[in-house]
Amino acid sequence: MTNYTTKTVAIVDDDPYARQMITELLIQYDFKVIEYSSGEEVLSSDISEIKLVILDVMMPGMDGFETCRKLKEKYDDRLPIIMLTALDDKESKKRE
């Protein structure tokens, strides 16, 4: 396996099972994973070492769309974000 130990990924999801599944997958490839249970939690943390955010869309409180907007404001669009959703309507998929 390739060594990716310098790559830190943040998983932001209110579902602990989803976080666990993604974490277990990424750890197999030597990624360091930091888990957050909400948008508010990740935004209030120092994520300067994070190289990628995997972000759930549907969360109570601040949803993934708002969290994504705030992360982009804070990190000037330099932080790659992958959004996960079970939504299948076209409007949700186009939303920024």
N, C-alpha and C. Protein backbone atom coordinates (compact mmCIF):
# COMPACT_ATOMS: atom_id res chain seq x y z
N MET A 1 0.82 -1.19 0.00
CA MET A 1 0.00 0.00 0.00
C MET A 1 0.86 1.25 0.00
N THR A 2 0.36 2.26 -0.66
CA THR A 2 1.04 3.55 -0.65
C THR A 2 0.88 4.19 0.71
N ASN A 3 1.88 4.90 1.17
CA ASN A 3 1.83 5.53 2.47
C ASN A 3 1.30 6.96 2.34
N TYR A 4 0.12 7.22 2.89
CA TYR A 4 -0.52 8.53 2.85
C TYR A 4 -0.60 9.15 4.24
N THR A 5 0.29 8.81 5.13
CA THR A 5 0.15 9.24 6.52
C THR A 5 0.14 10.75 6.69
N THR A 6 0.67 11.50 5.73
CA THR A 6 0.63 12.95 5.84
C THR A 6 -0.71 13.52 5.38
N LYS A 7 -1.59 12.69 4.88
CA LYS A 7 -2.89 13.14 4.40
C LYS A 7 -3.94 12.96 5.48
N THR A 8 -4.49 14.07 5.92
CA THR A 8 -5.51 14.03 6.97
C THR A 8 -6.85 14.39 6.36
N VAL A 9 -7.85 13.56 6.64
CA VAL A 9 -9.19 13.74 6.11
C VAL A 9 -10.15 13.99 7.27
N ALA A 10 -11.03 14.97 7.09
CA ALA A 10 -12.09 15.22 8.06
C ALA A 10 -13.39 14.62 7.54
N ILE A 11 -14.06 13.90 8.41
CA ILE A 11 -15.39 13.38 8.08
C ILE A 11 -16.38 14.13 8.95
N VAL A 12 -17.36 14.77 8.30
CA VAL A 12 -18.37 15.54 9.03
C VAL A 12 -19.72 14.90 8.73
N ASP A 13 -20.27 14.21 9.73
CA ASP A 13 -21.54 13.50 9.55
C ASP A 13 -22.15 13.29 10.92
N ASP A 14 -23.45 13.52 11.04
CA ASP A 14 -24.12 13.33 12.33
C ASP A 14 -24.38 11.86 12.63
N ASP A 15 -24.23 11.00 11.64
CA ASP A 15 -24.47 9.56 11.81
C ASP A 15 -23.17 8.86 12.21
N PRO A 16 -23.08 8.39 13.45
CA PRO A 16 -21.83 7.75 13.89
C PRO A 16 -21.49 6.50 13.08
N TYR A 17 -22.48 5.78 12.61
CA TYR A 17 -22.23 4.58 11.80
C TYR A 17 -21.58 4.97 10.47
N ALA A 18 -22.09 6.00 9.82
CA ALA A 18 -21.52 6.46 8.55
C ALA A 18 -20.08 6.92 8.76
N ARG A 19 -19.83 7.67 9.83
CA ARG A 19 -18.46 8.12 10.12
C ARG A 19 -17.53 6.92 10.31
N GLN A 20 -18.00 5.93 11.06
CA GLN A 20 -17.19 4.74 11.33
C GLN A 20 -16.86 4.00 10.04
N MET A 21 -17.83 3.83 9.17
CA MET A 21 -17.60 3.10 7.91
C MET A 21 -16.59 3.82 7.04
N ILE A 22 -16.72 5.13 6.90
CA ILE A 22 -15.78 5.89 6.07
C ILE A 22 -14.40 5.88 6.71
N THR A 23 -14.35 6.05 8.03
CA THR A 23 -13.06 6.04 8.73
C THR A 23 -12.35 4.72 8.53
N GLU A 24 -13.05 3.61 8.71
CA GLU A 24 -12.43 2.29 8.54
C GLU A 24 -11.88 2.10 7.14
N LEU A 25 -12.59 2.59 6.14
CA LEU A 25 -12.12 2.49 4.76
C LEU A 25 -10.85 3.31 4.56
N LEU A 26 -10.84 4.55 5.03
CA LEU A 26 -9.69 5.43 4.81
C LEU A 26 -8.46 4.98 5.59
N ILE A 27 -8.66 4.46 6.78
CA ILE A 27 -7.54 3.99 7.59
C ILE A 27 -6.81 2.84 6.90
N GLN A 28 -7.54 2.03 6.15
CA GLN A 28 -6.90 0.93 5.40
C GLN A 28 -5.86 1.45 4.43
N TYR A 29 -6.02 2.69 4.00
CA TYR A 29 -5.08 3.31 3.05
C TYR A 29 -4.17 4.33 3.72
N ASP A 30 -4.02 4.18 5.03
CA ASP A 30 -3.09 4.98 5.82
C ASP A 30 -3.41 6.47 5.90
N PHE A 31 -4.67 6.83 5.70
CA PHE A 31 -5.06 8.21 5.92
C PHE A 31 -5.28 8.43 7.40
N LYS A 32 -4.96 9.61 7.87
CA LYS A 32 -5.33 10.00 9.23
C LYS A 32 -6.72 10.61 9.13
N VAL A 33 -7.62 10.20 10.01
CA VAL A 33 -9.01 10.64 9.94
C VAL A 33 -9.39 11.35 11.23
N ILE A 34 -10.03 12.49 11.09
CA ILE A 34 -10.60 13.21 12.23
C ILE A 34 -12.09 13.30 11.98
N GLU A 35 -12.87 12.87 12.96
CA GLU A 35 -14.32 12.84 12.82
C GLU A 35 -14.97 14.02 13.53
N TYR A 36 -16.00 14.57 12.89
CA TYR A 36 -16.81 15.64 13.47
C TYR A 36 -18.27 15.25 13.30
N SER A 37 -19.08 15.54 14.31
CA SER A 37 -20.49 15.15 14.26
C SER A 37 -21.41 16.25 13.76
N SER A 38 -20.87 17.43 13.47
CA SER A 38 -21.72 18.53 13.00
C SER A 38 -20.89 19.58 12.27
N GLY A 39 -21.60 20.41 11.51
CA GLY A 39 -20.94 21.53 10.85
C GLY A 39 -20.38 22.51 11.85
N GLU A 40 -21.13 22.75 12.90
CA GLU A 40 -20.66 23.67 13.94
C GLU A 40 -19.36 23.19 14.56
N GLU A 41 -19.26 21.88 14.77
CA GLU A 41 -18.06 21.32 15.40
C GLU A 41 -16.83 21.49 14.51
N VAL A 42 -16.95 21.19 13.22
CA VAL A 42 -15.78 21.32 12.34
C VAL A 42 -15.40 22.79 12.18
N LEU A 43 -16.37 23.68 12.13
CA LEU A 43 -16.07 25.10 11.95
C LEU A 43 -15.42 25.73 13.18
N SER A 44 -15.67 25.15 14.34
CA SER A 44 -15.07 25.70 15.56
C SER A 44 -13.72 25.05 15.88
N SER A 45 -13.27 24.15 15.03
CA SER A 45 -12.01 23.44 15.25
C SER A 45 -10.90 24.00 14.37
N ASP A 46 -9.68 23.75 14.78
CA ASP A 46 -8.52 24.09 13.96
C ASP A 46 -8.33 22.94 12.98
N ILE A 47 -8.63 23.18 11.73
CA ILE A 47 -8.49 22.11 10.74
C ILE A 47 -7.37 22.43 9.75
N SER A 48 -6.38 23.14 10.20
CA SER A 48 -5.28 23.54 9.31
C SER A 48 -4.53 22.35 8.71
N GLU A 49 -4.54 21.20 9.38
CA GLU A 49 -3.84 20.04 8.84
C GLU A 49 -4.71 19.21 7.89
N ILE A 50 -5.99 19.55 7.77
CA ILE A 50 -6.92 18.80 6.94
C ILE A 50 -6.63 19.05 5.46
N LYS A 51 -6.57 17.98 4.69
CA LYS A 51 -6.33 18.07 3.25
C LYS A 51 -7.59 17.83 2.43
N LEU A 52 -8.63 17.24 3.07
CA LEU A 52 -9.89 16.93 2.39
C LEU A 52 -10.98 16.83 3.43
N VAL A 53 -12.18 17.33 3.09
CA VAL A 53 -13.35 17.19 3.96
C VAL A 53 -14.38 16.35 3.24
N ILE A 54 -14.87 15.33 3.92
CA ILE A 54 -16.00 14.54 3.43
C ILE A 54 -17.19 14.96 4.28
N LEU A 55 -18.19 15.54 3.64
CA LEU A 55 -19.25 16.27 4.33
C LEU A 55 -20.63 15.75 3.97
N ASP A 56 -21.39 15.37 4.98
CA ASP A 56 -22.78 14.94 4.78
C ASP A 56 -23.64 16.17 4.51
N VAL A 57 -24.62 16.04 3.64
CA VAL A 57 -25.52 17.15 3.33
C VAL A 57 -26.59 17.30 4.40
N MET A 58 -27.22 16.21 4.78
CA MET A 58 -28.36 16.28 5.69
C MET A 58 -27.92 16.06 7.13
N MET A 59 -27.82 17.18 7.86
CA MET A 59 -27.47 17.13 9.29
C MET A 59 -28.39 18.11 10.02
N PRO A 60 -28.74 17.80 11.26
CA PRO A 60 -29.54 18.74 12.04
C PRO A 60 -28.72 20.00 12.35
N GLY A 61 -29.41 21.09 12.62
CA GLY A 61 -28.70 22.34 12.86
C GLY A 61 -28.19 22.87 11.54
N MET A 62 -26.90 23.05 11.43
CA MET A 62 -26.29 23.54 10.19
C MET A 62 -26.15 22.39 9.20
N ASP A 63 -26.80 22.50 8.05
CA ASP A 63 -26.70 21.41 7.07
C ASP A 63 -25.37 21.49 6.32
N GLY A 64 -25.14 20.51 5.47
CA GLY A 64 -23.89 20.42 4.74
C GLY A 64 -23.67 21.56 3.76
N PHE A 65 -24.75 22.08 3.17
CA PHE A 65 -24.61 23.19 2.23
C PHE A 65 -24.06 24.43 2.94
N GLU A 66 -24.63 24.74 4.09
CA GLU A 66 -24.17 25.91 4.87
C GLU A 66 -22.75 25.68 5.39
N THR A 67 -22.48 24.48 5.88
CA THR A 67 -21.15 24.15 6.36
C THR A 67 -20.12 24.32 5.23
N CYS A 68 -20.45 23.83 4.05
CA CYS A 68 -19.57 23.95 2.90
C CYS A 68 -19.29 25.41 2.57
N ARG A 69 -20.34 26.23 2.53
CA ARG A 69 -20.16 27.66 2.25
C ARG A 69 -19.23 28.31 3.26
N LYS A 70 -19.43 28.00 4.53
CA LYS A 70 -18.61 28.61 5.58
C LYS A 70 -17.16 28.11 5.54
N LEU A 71 -16.97 26.84 5.23
CA LEU A 71 -15.61 26.31 5.09
C LEU A 71 -14.89 26.99 3.92
N LYS A 72 -15.62 27.20 2.81
CA LYS A 72 -15.01 27.85 1.65
C LYS A 72 -14.66 29.30 1.97
N GLU A 73 -15.50 29.98 2.73
CA GLU A 73 -15.19 31.35 3.14
C GLU A 73 -13.94 31.38 4.02
N LYS A 74 -13.88 30.47 4.96
CA LYS A 74 -12.79 30.44 5.92
C LYS A 74 -11.45 30.03 5.28
N TYR A 75 -11.50 29.10 4.32
CA TYR A 75 -10.28 28.57 3.71
C TYR A 75 -10.13 28.98 2.25
N ASP A 76 -10.86 30.00 1.83
CA ASP A 76 -10.66 30.62 0.53
C ASP A 76 -10.68 29.63 -0.63
N ASP A 77 -11.61 28.70 -0.63
CA ASP A 77 -11.80 27.71 -1.70
C ASP A 77 -10.61 26.79 -1.93
N ARG A 78 -9.63 26.79 -1.06
CA ARG A 78 -8.47 25.91 -1.25
C ARG A 78 -8.68 24.52 -0.69
N LEU A 79 -9.69 24.35 0.14
CA LEU A 79 -9.93 23.08 0.81
C LEU A 79 -10.89 22.23 -0.01
N PRO A 80 -10.44 21.08 -0.52
CA PRO A 80 -11.34 20.21 -1.28
C PRO A 80 -12.42 19.63 -0.37
N ILE A 81 -13.65 19.62 -0.87
CA ILE A 81 -14.78 19.10 -0.11
C ILE A 81 -15.57 18.14 -0.99
N ILE A 82 -15.79 16.94 -0.47
CA ILE A 82 -16.66 15.96 -1.12
C ILE A 82 -17.94 15.92 -0.30
N MET A 83 -19.07 16.13 -0.97
CA MET A 83 -20.35 16.11 -0.26
C MET A 83 -21.06 14.80 -0.55
N LEU A 84 -21.57 14.20 0.54
CA LEU A 84 -22.32 12.95 0.46
C LEU A 84 -23.79 13.23 0.70
N THR A 85 -24.64 12.62 -0.11
CA THR A 85 -26.07 12.81 0.09
C THR A 85 -26.87 11.65 -0.48
N ALA A 86 -28.01 11.42 0.13
CA ALA A 86 -28.96 10.47 -0.40
C ALA A 86 -30.04 11.20 -1.20
N LEU A 87 -29.97 12.54 -1.21
CA LEU A 87 -30.93 13.32 -1.99
C LEU A 87 -30.75 13.02 -3.46
N ASP A 88 -31.86 12.87 -4.18
CA ASP A 88 -31.73 12.55 -5.60
C ASP A 88 -32.42 13.55 -6.51
N ASP A 89 -32.88 14.66 -5.95
CA ASP A 89 -33.52 15.67 -6.79
C ASP A 89 -32.47 16.57 -7.44
N LYS A 90 -32.77 17.07 -8.62
CA LYS A 90 -31.81 17.88 -9.39
C LYS A 90 -31.45 19.17 -8.68
N GLU A 91 -32.39 19.80 -8.00
CA GLU A 91 -32.11 21.07 -7.33
C GLU A 91 -31.07 20.91 -6.24
N SER A 92 -31.15 19.84 -5.48
CA SER A 92 -30.15 19.60 -4.42
C SER A 92 -28.77 19.35 -5.02
N LYS A 93 -28.72 18.65 -6.12
CA LYS A 93 -27.44 18.33 -6.75
C LYS A 93 -26.77 19.58 -7.33
N LYS A 94 -27.55 20.57 -7.77
CA LYS A 94 -26.99 21.79 -8.34
C LYS A 94 -26.68 22.85 -7.30
N ARG A 95 -27.20 22.70 -6.13
CA ARG A 95 -27.10 23.73 -5.09
C ARG A 95 -25.65 23.98 -4.70
N GLU A 96 -25.33 25.24 -4.49
CA GLU A 96 -23.97 25.62 -4.08
C GLU A 96 -23.97 26.10 -2.66
